């Protein structure tokens, strides 16, 4: 309805309802942080999750991010080369 283009990742083989609930909890944390410390601007980054079925869904594509897995893999490679 806002005439903007949004990119999503189609993910299959997993139940994304849990991901959707976690993002809802993070949004609640952000509201609480904003109410408690409005001047700090601290917040948890959230993204949209749309479960389509029990085994398939859409996840909002977030540009310029790195997965936790890739960070951990980089650390492991760094330790092995140390």
PDB file of N, CA and C in Angstrom:
ATOM      1  N   UNK A   1       0.813  -1.193   0.000  1.00  0.00           N
ATOM      2  CA  UNK A   1       0.000   0.000   0.000  1.00  0.00           C
ATOM      3  C   UNK A   1       0.855   1.255   0.000  1.00  0.00           C
ATOM      4  N   UNK A   2       2.127   1.165   0.433  1.00  0.00           N
ATOM      5  CA  UNK A   2       2.971   2.357   0.463  1.00  0.00           C
ATOM      6  C   UNK A   2       3.794   2.517  -0.821  1.00  0.00           C
ATOM      7  N   UNK A   3       3.576   1.643  -1.806  1.00  0.00           N
ATOM      8  CA  UNK A   3       4.224   1.719  -3.120  1.00  0.00           C
ATOM      9  C   UNK A   3       5.743   1.572  -3.061  1.00  0.00           C
ATOM     10  N   UNK A   4       6.270   0.980  -1.997  1.00  0.00           N
ATOM     11  CA  UNK A   4       7.704   0.725  -1.884  1.00  0.00           C
ATOM     12  C   UNK A   4       7.985  -0.718  -2.257  1.00  0.00           C
ATOM     13  N   UNK A   5       9.213  -0.988  -2.623  1.00  0.00           N
ATOM     14  CA  UNK A   5       9.633  -2.335  -2.969  1.00  0.00           C
ATOM     15  C   UNK A   5      10.342  -2.945  -1.771  1.00  0.00           C
ATOM     16  N   UNK A   6       9.957  -4.167  -1.395  1.00  0.00           N
ATOM     17  CA  UNK A   6      10.555  -4.863  -0.266  1.00  0.00           C
ATOM     18  C   UNK A   6      11.118  -6.194  -0.743  1.00  0.00           C
ATOM     19  N   UNK A   7      12.317  -6.526  -0.271  1.00  0.00           N
ATOM     20  CA  UNK A   7      12.933  -7.802  -0.603  1.00  0.00           C
ATOM     21  C   UNK A   7      12.733  -8.774   0.553  1.00  0.00           C
ATOM     22  N   UNK A   8      12.389 -10.006   0.207  1.00  0.00           N
ATOM     23  CA  UNK A   8      12.184 -11.055   1.197  1.00  0.00           C
ATOM     24  C   UNK A   8      12.947 -12.290   0.796  1.00  0.00           C
ATOM     25  N   UNK A   9      13.319 -13.065   1.781  1.00  0.00           N
ATOM     26  CA  UNK A   9      13.939 -14.367   1.591  1.00  0.00           C
ATOM     27  C   UNK A   9      12.848 -15.413   1.786  1.00  0.00           C
ATOM     28  N   UNK A  10      12.706 -16.337   0.837  1.00  0.00           N
ATOM     29  CA  UNK A  10      11.764 -17.443   0.990  1.00  0.00           C
ATOM     30  C   UNK A  10      12.523 -18.573   1.660  1.00  0.00           C
ATOM     31  N   UNK A  11      12.045 -19.015   2.803  1.00  0.00           N
ATOM     32  CA  UNK A  11      12.730 -20.054   3.568  1.00  0.00           C
ATOM     33  C   UNK A  11      11.795 -21.241   3.741  1.00  0.00           C
ATOM     34  N   UNK A  12      12.288 -22.408   3.401  1.00  0.00           N
ATOM     35  CA  UNK A  12      11.493 -23.621   3.529  1.00  0.00           C
ATOM     36  C   UNK A  12      12.149 -24.617   4.453  1.00  0.00           C
ATOM     37  N   UNK A  13      11.363 -25.560   4.932  1.00  0.00           N
ATOM     38  CA  UNK A  13      11.889 -26.620   5.778  1.00  0.00           C
ATOM     39  C   UNK A  13      11.947 -26.271   7.248  1.00  0.00           C
ATOM     40  N   UNK A  14      11.489 -25.092   7.623  1.00  0.00           N
ATOM     41  CA  UNK A  14      11.486 -24.679   9.021  1.00  0.00           C
ATOM     42  C   UNK A  14      10.176 -23.994   9.362  1.00  0.00           C
ATOM     43  N   UNK A  15       9.786 -24.116  10.602  1.00  0.00           N
ATOM     44  CA  UNK A  15       8.593 -23.441  11.103  1.00  0.00           C
ATOM     45  C   UNK A  15       8.996 -22.050  11.567  1.00  0.00           C
ATOM     46  N   UNK A  16       8.576 -21.032  10.843  1.00  0.00           N
ATOM     47  CA  UNK A  16       8.993 -19.661  11.141  1.00  0.00           C
ATOM     48  C   UNK A  16       8.110 -18.974  12.171  1.00  0.00           C
ATOM     49  N   UNK A  17       7.140 -19.687  12.716  1.00  0.00           N
ATOM     50  CA  UNK A  17       6.283 -19.063  13.735  1.00  0.00           C
ATOM     51  C   UNK A  17       7.092 -18.664  14.962  1.00  0.00           C
ATOM     52  N   UNK A  18       8.092 -19.467  15.327  1.00  0.00           N
ATOM     53  CA  UNK A  18       8.948 -19.119  16.472  1.00  0.00           C
ATOM     54  C   UNK A  18       9.728 -17.840  16.175  1.00  0.00           C
ATOM     55  N   UNK A  19      10.269 -17.738  14.963  1.00  0.00           N
ATOM     56  CA  UNK A  19      10.999 -16.527  14.568  1.00  0.00           C
ATOM     57  C   UNK A  19      10.079 -15.309  14.660  1.00  0.00           C
ATOM     58  N   UNK A  20       8.849 -15.468  14.219  1.00  0.00           N
ATOM     59  CA  UNK A  20       7.891 -14.369  14.275  1.00  0.00           C
ATOM     60  C   UNK A  20       7.645 -13.938  15.724  1.00  0.00           C
ATOM     61  N   UNK A  21       7.511 -14.895  16.631  1.00  0.00           N
ATOM     62  CA  UNK A  21       7.287 -14.575  18.048  1.00  0.00           C
ATOM     63  C   UNK A  21       8.502 -13.880  18.663  1.00  0.00           C
ATOM     64  N   UNK A  22       9.691 -14.334  18.320  1.00  0.00           N
ATOM     65  CA  UNK A  22      10.917 -13.709  18.844  1.00  0.00           C
ATOM     66  C   UNK A  22      10.995 -12.254  18.392  1.00  0.00           C
ATOM     67  N   UNK A  23      10.671 -11.985  17.135  1.00  0.00           N
ATOM     68  CA  UNK A  23      10.702 -10.603  16.648  1.00  0.00           C
ATOM     69  C   UNK A  23       9.668  -9.747  17.373  1.00  0.00           C
ATOM     70  N   UNK A  24       8.518 -10.322  17.699  1.00  0.00           N
ATOM     71  CA  UNK A  24       7.495  -9.596  18.452  1.00  0.00           C
ATOM     72  C   UNK A  24       8.021  -9.255  19.856  1.00  0.00           C
ATOM     73  N   UNK A  25       8.726 -10.194  20.482  1.00  0.00           N
ATOM     74  CA  UNK A  25       9.322  -9.949  21.809  1.00  0.00           C
ATOM     75  C   UNK A  25      10.366  -8.835  21.716  1.00  0.00           C
ATOM     76  N   UNK A  26      11.212  -8.878  20.675  1.00  0.00           N
ATOM     77  CA  UNK A  26      12.224  -7.835  20.491  1.00  0.00           C
ATOM     78  C   UNK A  26      11.576  -6.466  20.309  1.00  0.00           C
ATOM     79  N   UNK A  27      10.460  -6.404  19.574  1.00  0.00           N
ATOM     80  CA  UNK A  27       9.759  -5.122  19.410  1.00  0.00           C
ATOM     81  C   UNK A  27       9.272  -4.607  20.767  1.00  0.00           C
ATOM     82  N   UNK A  28       8.803  -5.530  21.617  1.00  0.00           N
ATOM     83  CA  UNK A  28       8.381  -5.145  22.970  1.00  0.00           C
ATOM     84  C   UNK A  28       9.540  -4.605  23.789  1.00  0.00           C
ATOM     85  N   UNK A  29      10.712  -5.266  23.689  1.00  0.00           N
ATOM     86  CA  UNK A  29      11.907  -4.770  24.368  1.00  0.00           C
ATOM     87  C   UNK A  29      12.233  -3.358  23.895  1.00  0.00           C
ATOM     88  N   UNK A  30      12.149  -3.134  22.582  1.00  0.00           N
ATOM     89  CA  UNK A  30      12.455  -1.810  22.036  1.00  0.00           C
ATOM     90  C   UNK A  30      11.517  -0.753  22.589  1.00  0.00           C
ATOM     91  N   UNK A  31      10.231  -1.064  22.695  1.00  0.00           N
ATOM     92  CA  UNK A  31       9.277  -0.108  23.270  1.00  0.00           C
ATOM     93  C   UNK A  31       9.641   0.190  24.729  1.00  0.00           C
ATOM     94  N   UNK A  32      10.012  -0.861  25.479  1.00  0.00           N
ATOM     95  CA  UNK A  32      10.385  -0.671  26.887  1.00  0.00           C
ATOM     96  C   UNK A  32      11.653   0.168  27.011  1.00  0.00           C
ATOM     97  N   UNK A  33      12.652  -0.128  26.173  1.00  0.00           N
ATOM     98  CA  UNK A  33      13.893   0.654  26.201  1.00  0.00           C
ATOM     99  C   UNK A  33      13.629   2.114  25.876  1.00  0.00           C
ATOM    100  N   UNK A  34      12.781   2.346  24.882  1.00  0.00           N
ATOM    101  CA  UNK A  34      12.469   3.726  24.488  1.00  0.00           C
ATOM    102  C   UNK A  34      11.749   4.464  25.615  1.00  0.00           C
ATOM    103  N   UNK A  35      10.897   3.753  26.354  1.00  0.00           N
ATOM    104  CA  UNK A  35      10.169   4.394  27.457  1.00  0.00           C
ATOM    105  C   UNK A  35      11.090   4.670  28.643  1.00  0.00           C
ATOM    106  N   UNK A  36      12.015   3.745  28.914  1.00  0.00           N
ATOM    107  CA  UNK A  36      12.896   3.893  30.069  1.00  0.00           C
ATOM    108  C   UNK A  36      14.041   4.867  29.806  1.00  0.00           C
ATOM    109  N   UNK A  37      14.608   4.821  28.606  1.00  0.00           N
ATOM    110  CA  UNK A  37      15.763   5.655  28.279  1.00  0.00           C
ATOM    111  C   UNK A  37      15.575   6.254  26.887  1.00  0.00           C
ATOM    112  N   UNK A  38      14.687   7.231  26.775  1.00  0.00           N
ATOM    113  CA  UNK A  38      14.363   7.772  25.451  1.00  0.00           C
ATOM    114  C   UNK A  38      15.520   8.464  24.739  1.00  0.00           C
ATOM    115  N   UNK A  39      16.505   8.926  25.470  1.00  0.00           N
ATOM    116  CA  UNK A  39      17.605   9.674  24.857  1.00  0.00           C
ATOM    117  C   UNK A  39      18.742   8.784  24.356  1.00  0.00           C
ATOM    118  N   UNK A  40      18.756   7.510  24.729  1.00  0.00           N
ATOM    119  CA  UNK A  40      19.881   6.656  24.366  1.00  0.00           C
ATOM    120  C   UNK A  40      19.803   6.119  22.939  1.00  0.00           C
ATOM    121  N   UNK A  41      18.621   5.903  22.427  1.00  0.00           N
ATOM    122  CA  UNK A  41      18.499   5.397  21.068  1.00  0.00           C
ATOM    123  C   UNK A  41      18.899   3.942  20.919  1.00  0.00           C
ATOM    124  N   UNK A  42      19.078   3.236  22.027  1.00  0.00           N
ATOM    125  CA  UNK A  42      19.435   1.823  21.957  1.00  0.00           C
ATOM    126  C   UNK A  42      18.225   1.020  21.521  1.00  0.00           C
ATOM    127  N   UNK A  43      18.472   0.066  20.633  1.00  0.00           N
ATOM    128  CA  UNK A  43      17.385  -0.807  20.236  1.00  0.00           C
ATOM    129  C   UNK A  43      17.936  -2.082  19.618  1.00  0.00           C
ATOM    130  N   UNK A  44      17.102  -3.091  19.609  1.00  0.00           N
ATOM    131  CA  UNK A  44      17.428  -4.359  18.974  1.00  0.00           C
ATOM    132  C   UNK A  44      16.884  -4.300  17.559  1.00  0.00           C
ATOM    133  N   UNK A  45      17.703  -4.630  16.575  1.00  0.00           N
ATOM    134  CA  UNK A  45      17.241  -4.631  15.186  1.00  0.00           C
ATOM    135  C   UNK A  45      16.232  -5.758  14.993  1.00  0.00           C
ATOM    136  N   UNK A  46      15.115  -5.447  14.369  1.00  0.00           N
ATOM    137  CA  UNK A  46      14.080  -6.441  14.108  1.00  0.00           C
ATOM    138  C   UNK A  46      13.784  -6.485  12.616  1.00  0.00           C
ATOM    139  N   UNK A  47      13.177  -7.565  12.181  1.00  0.00           N
ATOM    140  CA  UNK A  47      12.797  -7.731  10.785  1.00  0.00           C
ATOM    141  C   UNK A  47      11.464  -8.469  10.732  1.00  0.00           C
ATOM    142  N   UNK A  48      10.803  -8.374   9.602  1.00  0.00           N
ATOM    143  CA  UNK A  48       9.495  -9.002   9.439  1.00  0.00           C
ATOM    144  C   UNK A  48       9.638 -10.476   9.104  1.00  0.00           C
ATOM    145  N   UNK A  49       8.775 -11.271   9.707  1.00  0.00           N
ATOM    146  CA  UNK A  49       8.700 -12.702   9.425  1.00  0.00           C
ATOM    147  C   UNK A  49       7.237 -13.019   9.133  1.00  0.00           C
ATOM    148  N   UNK A  50       6.997 -13.677   7.997  1.00  0.00           N
ATOM    149  CA  UNK A  50       5.633 -14.019   7.607  1.00  0.00           C
ATOM    150  C   UNK A  50       5.561 -15.526   7.366  1.00  0.00           C
ATOM    151  N   UNK A  51       5.108 -16.293   8.364  1.00  0.00           N
ATOM    152  CA  UNK A  51       4.929 -17.728   8.139  1.00  0.00           C
ATOM    153  C   UNK A  51       3.793 -17.938   7.139  1.00  0.00           C
ATOM    154  N   UNK A  52       4.065 -18.699   6.077  1.00  0.00           N
ATOM    155  CA  UNK A  52       3.047 -18.986   5.072  1.00  0.00           C
ATOM    156  C   UNK A  52       2.394 -20.327   5.374  1.00  0.00           C
ATOM    157  N   UNK A  53       3.206 -21.270   5.841  1.00  0.00           N
ATOM    158  CA  UNK A  53       2.707 -22.572   6.275  1.00  0.00           C
ATOM    159  C   UNK A  53       3.618 -23.042   7.403  1.00  0.00           C
ATOM    160  N   UNK A  54       3.408 -24.256   7.874  1.00  0.00           N
ATOM    161  CA  UNK A  54       4.237 -24.785   8.966  1.00  0.00           C
ATOM    162  C   UNK A  54       5.680 -24.969   8.520  1.00  0.00           C
ATOM    163  N   UNK A  55       5.910 -25.174   7.227  1.00  0.00           N
ATOM    164  CA  UNK A  55       7.266 -25.440   6.740  1.00  0.00           C
ATOM    165  C   UNK A  55       7.787 -24.422   5.744  1.00  0.00           C
ATOM    166  N   UNK A  56       7.173 -23.277   5.658  1.00  0.00           N
ATOM    167  CA  UNK A  56       7.613 -22.288   4.677  1.00  0.00           C
ATOM    168  C   UNK A  56       7.203 -20.893   5.138  1.00  0.00           C
ATOM    169  N   UNK A  57       8.014 -19.899   4.763  1.00  0.00           N
ATOM    170  CA  UNK A  57       7.666 -18.536   5.120  1.00  0.00           C
ATOM    171  C   UNK A  57       8.566 -17.528   4.435  1.00  0.00           C
ATOM    172  N   UNK A  58       8.282 -16.279   4.710  1.00  0.00           N
ATOM    173  CA  UNK A  58       9.045 -15.167   4.153  1.00  0.00           C
ATOM    174  C   UNK A  58       9.742 -14.423   5.287  1.00  0.00           C
ATOM    175  N   UNK A  59      10.982 -14.042   5.041  1.00  0.00           N
ATOM    176  CA  UNK A  59      11.758 -13.259   6.006  1.00  0.00           C
ATOM    177  C   UNK A  59      12.216 -12.002   5.299  1.00  0.00           C
ATOM    178  N   UNK A  60      11.993 -10.854   5.949  1.00  0.00           N
ATOM    179  CA  UNK A  60      12.428  -9.587   5.365  1.00  0.00           C
ATOM    180  C   UNK A  60      13.930  -9.597   5.142  1.00  0.00           C
ATOM    181  N   UNK A  61      14.343  -9.190   3.968  1.00  0.00           N
ATOM    182  CA  UNK A  61      15.762  -9.096   3.650  1.00  0.00           C
ATOM    183  C   UNK A  61      16.324  -7.849   4.295  1.00  0.00           C
ATOM    184  N   UNK A  62      17.383  -7.998   5.082  1.00  0.00           N
ATOM    185  CA  UNK A  62      18.004  -6.868   5.761  1.00  0.00           C
ATOM    186  C   UNK A  62      19.393  -6.665   5.156  1.00  0.00           C
ATOM    187  N   UNK A  63      19.567  -5.554   4.486  1.00  0.00           N
ATOM    188  CA  UNK A  63      20.839  -5.258   3.814  1.00  0.00           C
ATOM    189  C   UNK A  63      21.935  -4.927   4.814  1.00  0.00           C
ATOM    190  N   UNK A  64      23.165  -5.150   4.390  1.00  0.00           N
ATOM    191  CA  UNK A  64      24.358  -4.783   5.165  1.00  0.00           C
ATOM    192  C   UNK A  64      24.399  -5.430   6.541  1.00  0.00           C
ATOM    193  N   UNK A  65      24.032  -6.690   6.603  1.00  0.00           N
ATOM    194  CA  UNK A  65      24.102  -7.430   7.860  1.00  0.00           C
ATOM    195  C   UNK A  65      24.963  -8.680   7.673  1.00  0.00           C
ATOM    196  N   UNK A  66      25.381  -9.237   8.775  1.00  0.00           N
ATOM    197  CA  UNK A  66      26.192 -10.447   8.779  1.00  0.00           C
ATOM    198  C   UNK A  66      25.527 -11.436   9.726  1.00  0.00           C
ATOM    199  N   UNK A  67      25.474 -12.687   9.314  1.00  0.00           N
ATOM    200  CA  UNK A  67      24.854 -13.688  10.183  1.00  0.00           C
ATOM    201  C   UNK A  67      25.768 -14.038  11.348  1.00  0.00           C
ATOM    202  N   UNK A  68      25.178 -14.457  12.426  1.00  0.00           N
ATOM    203  CA  UNK A  68      25.955 -14.891  13.591  1.00  0.00           C
ATOM    204  C   UNK A  68      26.823 -16.080  13.203  1.00  0.00           C
ATOM    205  N   UNK A  69      26.268 -16.964  12.381  1.00  0.00           N
ATOM    206  CA  UNK A  69      27.024 -18.141  11.947  1.00  0.00           C
ATOM    207  C   UNK A  69      28.322 -17.745  11.233  1.00  0.00           C
ATOM    208  N   UNK A  70      28.237 -16.778  10.329  1.00  0.00           N
ATOM    209  CA  UNK A  70      29.451 -16.382   9.611  1.00  0.00           C
ATOM    210  C   UNK A  70      30.462 -15.726  10.547  1.00  0.00           C
ATOM    211  N   UNK A  71      29.986 -14.986  11.544  1.00  0.00           N
ATOM    212  CA  UNK A  71      30.905 -14.406  12.529  1.00  0.00           C
ATOM    213  C   UNK A  71      31.624 -15.491  13.312  1.00  0.00           C
ATOM    214  N   UNK A  72      30.864 -16.506  13.736  1.00  0.00           N
ATOM    215  CA  UNK A  72      31.461 -17.603  14.490  1.00  0.00           C
ATOM    216  C   UNK A  72      32.440 -18.397  13.631  1.00  0.00           C
ATOM    217  N   UNK A  73      32.079 -18.631  12.378  1.00  0.00           N
ATOM    218  CA  UNK A  73      32.981 -19.355  11.482  1.00  0.00           C
ATOM    219  C   UNK A  73      34.271 -18.584  11.276  1.00  0.00           C
ATOM    220  N   UNK A  74      34.182 -17.262  11.113  1.00  0.00           N
ATOM    221  CA  UNK A  74      35.381 -16.436  10.977  1.00  0.00           C
ATOM    222  C   UNK A  74      36.264 -16.522  12.201  1.00  0.00           C
ATOM    223  N   UNK A  75      35.630 -16.522  13.398  1.00  0.00           N
ATOM    224  CA  UNK A  75      36.392 -16.649  14.645  1.00  0.00           C
ATOM    225  C   UNK A  75      37.089 -17.995  14.731  1.00  0.00           C
ATOM    226  N   UNK A  76      36.403 -19.051  14.310  1.00  0.00           N
ATOM    227  CA  UNK A  76      36.994 -20.393  14.373  1.00  0.00           C
ATOM    228  C   UNK A  76      38.181 -20.476  13.416  1.00  0.00           C
ATOM    229  N   UNK A  77      38.032 -19.956  12.213  1.00  0.00           N
ATOM    230  CA  UNK A  77      39.130 -19.961  11.239  1.00  0.00           C
ATOM    231  C   UNK A  77      40.286 -19.134  11.795  1.00  0.00           C
ATOM    232  N   UNK A  78      39.989 -17.991  12.404  1.00  0.00           N
ATOM    233  CA  UNK A  78      41.033 -17.149  12.985  1.00  0.00           C
ATOM    234  C   UNK A  78      41.792 -17.869  14.091  1.00  0.00           C
ATOM    235  N   UNK A  79      41.079 -18.624  14.927  1.00  0.00           N
ATOM    236  CA  UNK A  79      41.731 -19.375  15.989  1.00  0.00           C
ATOM    237  C   UNK A  79      42.584 -20.508  15.441  1.00  0.00           C
ATOM    238  N   UNK A  80      42.098 -21.147  14.375  1.00  0.00           N
ATOM    239  CA  UNK A  80      42.869 -22.246  13.781  1.00  0.00           C
ATOM    240  C   UNK A  80      44.157 -21.740  13.162  1.00  0.00           C
ATOM    241  N   UNK A  81      44.148 -20.521  12.648  1.00  0.00           N
ATOM    242  CA  UNK A  81      45.334 -19.943  12.026  1.00  0.00           C
ATOM    243  C   UNK A  81      46.240 -19.215  13.005  1.00  0.00           C
ATOM    244  N   UNK A  82      45.811 -19.152  14.248  1.00  0.00           N
ATOM    245  CA  UNK A  82      46.566 -18.440  15.265  1.00  0.00           C
ATOM    246  C   UNK A  82      47.715 -19.183  15.742  1.00  0.00           C
TER     247      UNK A  82
END
